[in-house]
Each structure stands twice: as structure tokens, then as C-alpha cells.
Amino acid sequence: MSTAHDFAFPEPEDQDQDQDIVGAAHDPIPHVDGNAAAGALSEIFRVDIIAALGRCRHCGSVRAFGAAMVFVDAPGVVVRCRDCKGVLLRLVGTPTRYWLDLSGLDHLEIDRED
């Protein structure tokens, strides 16, 4: 059984060296904004998560989830902090279950809908 500790997170000082995160200067890794993750996350969360404020565990930046960098060219969805490029969230789905890793978020503040 995997735990959050089984995932490797880049240390902030190592992120400039991690080509998986930044891509090459001439060939950046394509990404979209946090709205791209809304469909997949709406199957898990019953609220609109795009306006939720999240605090990055890596750099402490607080931003709306919709401002995050979303990478969908993988087996699942990877959401990264726009400021430090650290992984905030990973979501992988199969026909029978989801795996959701939120360990890159210190917290996620979601407004209650009336």
C-alpha cells in the first residue's frame, strides 16, 4: 500500500535542476490553468474548487486553485504551484476508483455555497 511518503517531492533548492518540472528553455512542458482540472475534480468534490484558495507546502504561496499550472499529458492530472512549480495535487482515475494526492497543499480554503 502506498502512502504520501512514497512520492518523491523536489526540494525547493533542487527545483531549478529538475527538468521534469521546468522543461528545457527551448521546449517547455505544456500546461493549462486550474480550470482544466475542474471536470475531473468535480467528480470528487461537490463544490466548485476553482475559486478555492490553496497554500503551497513548498513555497508558502497562497493562490486561487484556478491559477495553478495543470499538466494533463500524463496518466492523470498533475497540478503545480505557479510560483515554485512544486506539485500541489495529483489525481489518477480508473473505471473503479480515484487516487488523490493533496500532500503538496498545506491547506485548501473552500467557500461554502449558500
Protein backbone atom coordinates (compact mmCIF):
# COMPACT_ATOMS: atom_id res chain seq x y z
CA MET A 1 0.00 0.00 0.00
CA SER A 2 1.40 3.39 -0.98
CA THR A 3 1.44 6.39 1.31
CA ALA A 4 2.08 10.05 0.62
CA HIS A 5 5.66 9.46 1.78
CA ASP A 6 6.23 7.08 -1.15
CA PHE A 7 6.06 10.02 -3.57
CA ALA A 8 9.22 11.98 -4.23
CA PHE A 9 8.85 15.75 -3.90
CA PRO A 10 11.56 18.07 -5.16
CA GLU A 11 13.26 20.15 -2.53
CA PRO A 12 12.86 23.89 -3.23
CA GLU A 13 16.59 24.40 -3.77
CA ASP A 14 16.65 21.50 -6.28
CA GLN A 15 13.74 22.66 -8.41
CA ASP A 16 15.85 24.71 -10.81
CA GLN A 17 17.71 21.49 -11.65
CA ASP A 18 14.60 19.32 -12.15
CA GLN A 19 13.94 19.23 -15.88
CA ASP A 20 10.71 17.31 -15.33
CA ILE A 21 9.37 20.42 -13.63
CA VAL A 22 10.66 23.23 -15.78
CA GLY A 23 11.31 21.63 -19.16
CA ALA A 24 14.09 22.94 -21.34
CA ALA A 25 14.22 26.64 -22.19
CA HIS A 26 13.56 25.85 -25.85
CA ASP A 27 10.95 23.16 -25.12
CA PRO A 28 8.82 23.98 -22.05
CA ILE A 29 6.39 21.39 -20.76
CA PRO A 30 2.89 22.44 -21.90
CA HIS A 31 0.36 23.26 -19.21
CA VAL A 32 -3.04 24.89 -18.80
CA ASP A 33 -4.62 26.72 -15.86
CA GLY A 34 -6.52 25.20 -12.94
CA ASN A 35 -9.83 25.30 -14.79
CA ALA A 36 -8.66 22.26 -16.76
CA ALA A 37 -8.81 20.15 -13.60
CA ALA A 38 -12.34 21.26 -12.72
CA GLY A 39 -14.11 18.44 -14.58
CA ALA A 40 -12.11 15.64 -13.00
CA LEU A 41 -12.24 17.20 -9.53
CA SER A 42 -15.98 17.86 -9.75
CA GLU A 43 -16.48 14.09 -9.62
CA ILE A 44 -14.81 14.07 -6.19
CA PHE A 45 -15.67 17.46 -4.68
CA ARG A 46 -19.28 18.61 -4.55
CA VAL A 47 -18.24 22.28 -4.65
CA ASP A 48 -16.52 24.40 -7.28
CA ILE A 49 -12.87 24.15 -6.31
CA ILE A 50 -11.55 26.68 -8.86
CA ALA A 51 -12.04 29.70 -6.56
CA ALA A 52 -10.68 27.85 -3.50
CA LEU A 53 -7.50 29.29 -2.01
CA GLY A 54 -4.63 26.87 -1.57
CA ARG A 55 -1.33 27.32 0.24
CA CYS A 56 1.66 25.63 -1.37
CA ARG A 57 3.52 23.40 1.08
CA HIS A 58 6.77 24.01 -0.83
CA CYS A 59 6.96 27.83 -1.02
CA GLY A 60 4.02 29.11 1.05
CA SER A 61 2.37 30.92 -1.84
CA VAL A 62 -1.41 31.35 -1.48
CA ARG A 63 -3.39 31.47 -4.73
CA ALA A 64 -6.76 30.55 -6.15
CA PHE A 65 -6.72 26.97 -7.40
CA GLY A 66 -7.70 28.22 -10.86
CA ALA A 67 -4.34 30.00 -11.12
CA ALA A 68 -2.35 26.77 -10.74
CA MET A 69 -0.50 25.07 -13.59
CA VAL A 70 -2.25 21.88 -14.72
CA PHE A 71 -0.48 19.18 -16.70
CA VAL A 72 -2.80 16.71 -18.39
CA ASP A 73 -0.36 14.94 -20.74
CA ALA A 74 0.24 12.19 -18.21
CA PRO A 75 -1.64 9.23 -16.81
CA GLY A 76 -3.81 11.52 -14.71
CA VAL A 77 -3.73 15.18 -13.75
CA VAL A 78 -0.77 16.93 -12.10
CA VAL A 79 -1.30 20.39 -10.60
CA ARG A 80 1.75 22.54 -9.83
CA CYS A 81 2.28 25.81 -8.00
CA ARG A 82 2.59 28.72 -10.42
CA ASP A 83 5.30 30.31 -8.23
CA CYS A 84 7.69 27.46 -7.36
CA LYS A 85 6.45 24.69 -9.71
CA GLY A 86 6.11 22.26 -6.78
CA VAL A 87 3.45 19.54 -7.09
CA LEU A 88 0.24 20.54 -5.29
CA LEU A 89 -2.11 17.77 -6.35
CA ARG A 90 -2.10 14.52 -8.32
CA LEU A 91 -5.23 12.76 -9.49
CA VAL A 92 -5.40 9.44 -11.27
CA GLY A 93 -8.67 7.76 -12.08
CA THR A 94 -9.62 4.30 -13.27
CA PRO A 95 -13.08 2.97 -14.08
CA THR A 96 -13.48 1.82 -10.47
CA ARG A 97 -11.58 4.30 -8.24
CA TYR A 98 -9.59 7.52 -7.86
CA TRP A 99 -6.22 8.17 -6.29
CA LEU A 100 -5.92 11.73 -4.99
CA ASP A 101 -2.71 13.12 -3.52
CA LEU A 102 -3.04 16.56 -1.93
CA SER A 103 0.23 16.43 0.02
CA GLY A 104 1.66 19.46 -1.80
CA LEU A 105 -1.05 21.66 -0.31
CA ASP A 106 -0.67 22.98 3.20
CA HIS A 107 -4.39 23.72 3.15
CA LEU A 108 -7.27 24.36 0.78
CA GLU A 109 -9.83 27.01 1.78
CA ILE A 110 -13.19 26.40 0.08
CA ASP A 111 -16.09 28.85 0.37
CA ARG A 112 -19.38 27.29 1.37
CA GLU A 113 -22.12 27.64 -1.19
CA ASP A 114 -25.40 29.07 0.07
